[in-house]
C-alpha atoms as a PDB file:
ATOM      1  CA  MET A   1     117.780 -59.148  32.590  1.00  0.00           C
ATOM      2  CA  GLN A   2     116.412 -61.865  30.645  1.00  0.00           C
ATOM      3  CA  THR A   3     113.169 -63.644  31.789  1.00  0.00           C
ATOM      4  CA  ARG A   4     111.552 -67.494  31.485  1.00  0.00           C
ATOM      5  CA  GLN A   5     108.679 -68.393  32.570  1.00  0.00           C
ATOM      6  CA  PHE A   6     107.731 -72.311  33.469  1.00  0.00           C
ATOM      7  CA  SER A   7     105.453 -74.764  34.797  1.00  0.00           C
ATOM      8  CA  PHE A   8     104.720 -77.520  36.993  1.00  0.00           C
ATOM      9  CA  ASP A   9     101.647 -79.202  37.526  1.00  0.00           C
ATOM     10  CA  GLY A  10     102.121 -82.604  37.880  1.00  0.00           C
ATOM     11  CA  PHE A  11     102.710 -85.649  35.096  1.00  0.00           C
ATOM     12  CA  HIS A  12     101.143 -83.460  32.068  1.00  0.00           C
ATOM     13  CA  GLY A  13     103.017 -80.227  33.410  1.00  0.00           C
ATOM     14  CA  LEU A  14     106.314 -82.137  33.303  1.00  0.00           C
ATOM     15  CA  SER A  15     105.298 -82.777  29.662  1.00  0.00           C
ATOM     16  CA  ARG A  16     104.562 -79.057  29.074  1.00  0.00           C
ATOM     17  CA  VAL A  17     108.855 -78.106  30.220  1.00  0.00           C
ATOM     18  CA  PHE A  18     109.929 -80.247  28.037  1.00  0.00           C
ATOM     19  CA  ARG A  19     107.926 -79.383  25.246  1.00  0.00           C
ATOM     20  CA  PHE A  20     108.346 -75.745  26.139  1.00  0.00           C
ATOM     21  CA  VAL A  21     112.287 -76.069  26.078  1.00  0.00           C
ATOM     22  CA  LEU A  22     112.311 -78.206  22.910  1.00  0.00           C
ATOM     23  CA  LEU A  23     110.440 -75.166  21.279  1.00  0.00           C
ATOM     24  CA  LEU A  24     113.260 -72.915  23.238  1.00  0.00           C
ATOM     25  CA  SER A  25     115.993 -74.713  21.579  1.00  0.00           C
ATOM     26  CA  SER A  26     114.186 -74.785  18.383  1.00  0.00           C
ATOM     27  CA  MET A  27     114.183 -71.047  18.442  1.00  0.00           C
ATOM     28  CA  LEU A  28     117.008 -70.407  19.532  1.00  0.00           C
ATOM     29  CA  LEU A  29     118.685 -72.733  16.843  1.00  0.00           C
ATOM     30  CA  CYS A  30     117.287 -71.098  14.442  1.00  0.00           C
ATOM     31  CA  SER A  31     118.237 -67.919  14.893  1.00  0.00           C
ATOM     32  CA  CYS A  32     122.726 -69.269  15.637  1.00  0.00           C
ATOM     33  CA  ALA A  33     121.895 -70.533  11.934  1.00  0.00           C
ATOM     34  CA  SER A  34     121.281 -67.350  10.570  1.00  0.00           C
ATOM     35  CA  GLN A  35     123.923 -65.438  12.734  1.00  0.00           C
ATOM     36  CA  GLY A  36     126.831 -67.439  11.681  1.00  0.00           C
ATOM     37  CA  ALA A  37     129.348 -69.868  13.415  1.00  0.00           C
ATOM     38  CA  ALA A  38     131.235 -66.914  15.122  1.00  0.00           C
ATOM     39  CA  ASN A  39     128.239 -65.096  17.328  1.00  0.00           C
ATOM     40  CA  ARG A  40     125.531 -67.897  19.049  1.00  0.00           C
ATOM     41  CA  PRO A  41     122.992 -66.900  21.824  1.00  0.00           C
ATOM     42  CA  LEU A  42     122.930 -68.900  24.883  1.00  0.00           C
ATOM     43  CA  GLN A  43     121.284 -71.906  24.538  1.00  0.00           C
ATOM     44  CA  LEU A  44     119.695 -74.498  26.958  1.00  0.00           C
ATOM     45  CA  LEU A  45     120.664 -77.675  26.276  1.00  0.00           C
ATOM     46  CA  SER A  46     119.404 -80.028  29.144  1.00  0.00           C
ATOM     47  CA  GLY A  47     118.002 -79.718  32.716  1.00  0.00           C
ATOM     48  CA  SER A  48     115.431 -81.213  35.416  1.00  0.00           C
ATOM     49  CA  ALA A  49     111.650 -79.277  35.813  1.00  0.00           C
ATOM     50  CA  PRO A  50     111.261 -78.350  39.023  1.00  0.00           C
ATOM     51  CA  VAL A  51     110.040 -80.880  41.350  1.00  0.00           C
ATOM     52  CA  TYR A  52     106.781 -80.288  43.438  1.00  0.00           C
ATOM     53  CA  PRO A  53     107.233 -81.075  47.124  1.00  0.00           C
ATOM     54  CA  GLN A  54     105.722 -83.934  48.365  1.00  0.00           C
ATOM     55  CA  THR A  55     104.893 -82.678  51.825  1.00  0.00           C
ATOM     56  CA  LEU A  56     102.529 -79.590  49.899  1.00  0.00           C
ATOM     57  CA  VAL A  57     100.609 -81.934  47.444  1.00  0.00           C
ATOM     58  CA  SER A  58      97.972 -82.127  50.643  1.00  0.00           C
ATOM     59  CA  ARG A  59      97.727 -78.985  51.369  1.00  0.00           C
ATOM     60  CA  GLY A  60      96.552 -77.434  47.535  1.00  0.00           C
ATOM     61  CA  VAL A  61      99.568 -74.775  47.510  1.00  0.00           C
ATOM     62  CA  GLY A  62     100.968 -73.386  44.398  1.00  0.00           C
ATOM     63  CA  GLY A  63     103.173 -70.247  43.965  1.00  0.00           C
ATOM     64  CA  GLN A  64     106.171 -69.009  41.791  1.00  0.00           C
ATOM     65  CA  VAL A  65     109.936 -68.506  42.296  1.00  0.00           C
ATOM     66  CA  THR A  66     111.965 -66.126  40.641  1.00  0.00           C
ATOM     67  CA  LEU A  67     115.419 -66.827  40.325  1.00  0.00           C
ATOM     68  CA  GLY A  68     118.490 -65.279  39.183  1.00  0.00           C
ATOM     69  CA  TYR A  69     121.792 -66.703  37.765  1.00  0.00           C
ATOM     70  CA  ASP A  70     124.489 -66.325  36.028  1.00  0.00           C
ATOM     71  CA  VAL A  71     125.803 -68.843  33.072  1.00  0.00           C
ATOM     72  CA  THR A  72     129.901 -69.232  32.906  1.00  0.00           C
ATOM     73  CA  ALA A  73     131.580 -69.571  29.879  1.00  0.00           C
ATOM     74  CA  GLN A  74     131.316 -73.661  30.422  1.00  0.00           C
ATOM     75  CA  GLY A  75     127.651 -73.578  30.258  1.00  0.00           C
ATOM     76  CA  ILE A  76     127.244 -74.028  34.077  1.00  0.00           C
ATOM     77  CA  VAL A  77     124.645 -72.088  36.508  1.00  0.00           C
ATOM     78  CA  VAL A  78     126.056 -70.580  39.112  1.00  0.00           C
ATOM     79  CA  ASN A  79     125.479 -68.012  42.122  1.00  0.00           C
ATOM     80  CA  ILE A  80     121.764 -68.767  42.216  1.00  0.00           C
ATOM     81  CA  LYS A  81     120.029 -66.468  44.376  1.00  0.00           C
ATOM     82  CA  VAL A  82     116.186 -66.596  45.116  1.00  0.00           C
ATOM     83  CA  VAL A  83     114.574 -62.779  43.758  1.00  0.00           C
ATOM     84  CA  ALA A  84     111.174 -63.834  44.739  1.00  0.00           C
ATOM     85  CA  SER A  85     108.560 -66.372  45.497  1.00  0.00           C
ATOM     86  CA  GLU A  86     104.986 -66.273  46.351  1.00  0.00           C
ATOM     87  CA  PRO A  87     104.108 -67.683  49.056  1.00  0.00           C
ATOM     88  CA  SER A  88     107.926 -66.987  50.686  1.00  0.00           C
ATOM     89  CA  VAL A  89     110.219 -69.881  51.146  1.00  0.00           C
ATOM     90  CA  LEU A  90     107.844 -72.943  50.266  1.00  0.00           C
ATOM     91  CA  PHE A  91     109.559 -73.866  46.791  1.00  0.00           C
ATOM     92  CA  ASP A  92     112.702 -72.123  46.510  1.00  0.00           C
ATOM     93  CA  ALA A  93     114.713 -74.728  47.547  1.00  0.00           C
ATOM     94  CA  ALA A  94     112.821 -76.862  45.120  1.00  0.00           C
ATOM     95  CA  ALA A  95     113.087 -74.049  42.387  1.00  0.00           C
ATOM     96  CA  VAL A  96     117.053 -73.952  42.767  1.00  0.00           C
ATOM     97  CA  GLN A  97     117.651 -77.885  42.617  1.00  0.00           C
ATOM     98  CA  ALA A  98     115.984 -77.331  39.209  1.00  0.00           C
ATOM     99  CA  VAL A  99     117.985 -74.295  38.003  1.00  0.00           C
ATOM    100  CA  SER A 100     121.027 -75.579  39.056  1.00  0.00           C
ATOM    101  CA  SER A 101     120.494 -79.224  37.350  1.00  0.00           C
ATOM    102  CA  TRP A 102     120.154 -76.649  34.058  1.00  0.00           C
ATOM    103  CA  VAL A 103     123.196 -76.874  30.929  1.00  0.00           C
ATOM    104  CA  PHE A 104     123.476 -74.463  28.765  1.00  0.00           C
ATOM    105  CA  ARG A 105     125.766 -74.464  25.039  1.00  0.00           C
ATOM    106  CA  PRO A 106     127.540 -70.704  25.609  1.00  0.00           C
ATOM    107  CA  GLN A 107     127.087 -67.877  24.535  1.00  0.00           C
ATOM    108  CA  GLN A 108     129.326 -67.260  21.625  1.00  0.00           C
ATOM    109  CA  ARG A 109     130.616 -63.817  20.586  1.00  0.00           C
ATOM    110  CA  ASP A 110     133.195 -62.998  17.870  1.00  0.00           C
ATOM    111  CA  GLY A 111     134.505 -67.033  17.919  1.00  0.00           C
ATOM    112  CA  LYS A 112     135.245 -67.067  21.814  1.00  0.00           C
ATOM    113  CA  PHE A 113     132.530 -68.537  24.850  1.00  0.00           C
ATOM    114  CA  ARG A 114     131.420 -66.213  26.918  1.00  0.00           C
ATOM    115  CA  GLY A 115     129.411 -66.057  30.313  1.00  0.00           C
ATOM    116  CA  VAL A 116     126.642 -64.647  30.617  1.00  0.00           C
ATOM    117  CA  GLU A 117     125.289 -62.584  34.066  1.00  0.00           C
ATOM    118  CA  GLY A 118     121.827 -61.054  35.091  1.00  0.00           C
ATOM    119  CA  LEU A 119     119.639 -63.898  33.819  1.00  0.00           C
ATOM    120  CA  GLU A 120     115.971 -64.530  35.907  1.00  0.00           C
ATOM    121  CA  SER A 121     113.796 -67.204  35.627  1.00  0.00           C
ATOM    122  CA  THR A 122     110.314 -67.677  37.239  1.00  0.00           C
ATOM    123  CA  LEU A 123     109.119 -71.094  38.062  1.00  0.00           C
ATOM    124  CA  GLU A 124     105.342 -71.706  38.659  1.00  0.00           C
ATOM    125  CA  PHE A 125     104.775 -74.772  40.538  1.00  0.00           C
ATOM    126  CA  ARG A 126     100.907 -75.586  40.471  1.00  0.00           C
ATOM    127  CA  THR A 127      98.739 -78.390  42.791  1.00  0.00           C
ATOM    128  CA  PRO A 128      99.125 -81.893  40.897  1.00  0.00           C
END
């Protein structure tokens, strides 16, 4: 299982998430160049960062959600499920919404696009 961790802490956290996505994309592109055209790893192309629930701002609550999901051969995230969340349930919907917006360049093996199963990402929520 692959695990990615993201954090969100208001406006400044949003820019950190996008910088992380940019860095991750750059690293994956470099590895793609060295592998040739027939083989290419899964690459995150776009998607939104998690939105801290407005109803929790006044409570000052933070937490994290780990999601499991698959990516189809078309680069679409499917089969999203909450693996763990702390505190339970509070950030689940925001995490699922963010991950469902992600679009990937599919993995390519022997010149064919392939789906990837069993991915995990942990999204961290900090009070803005």
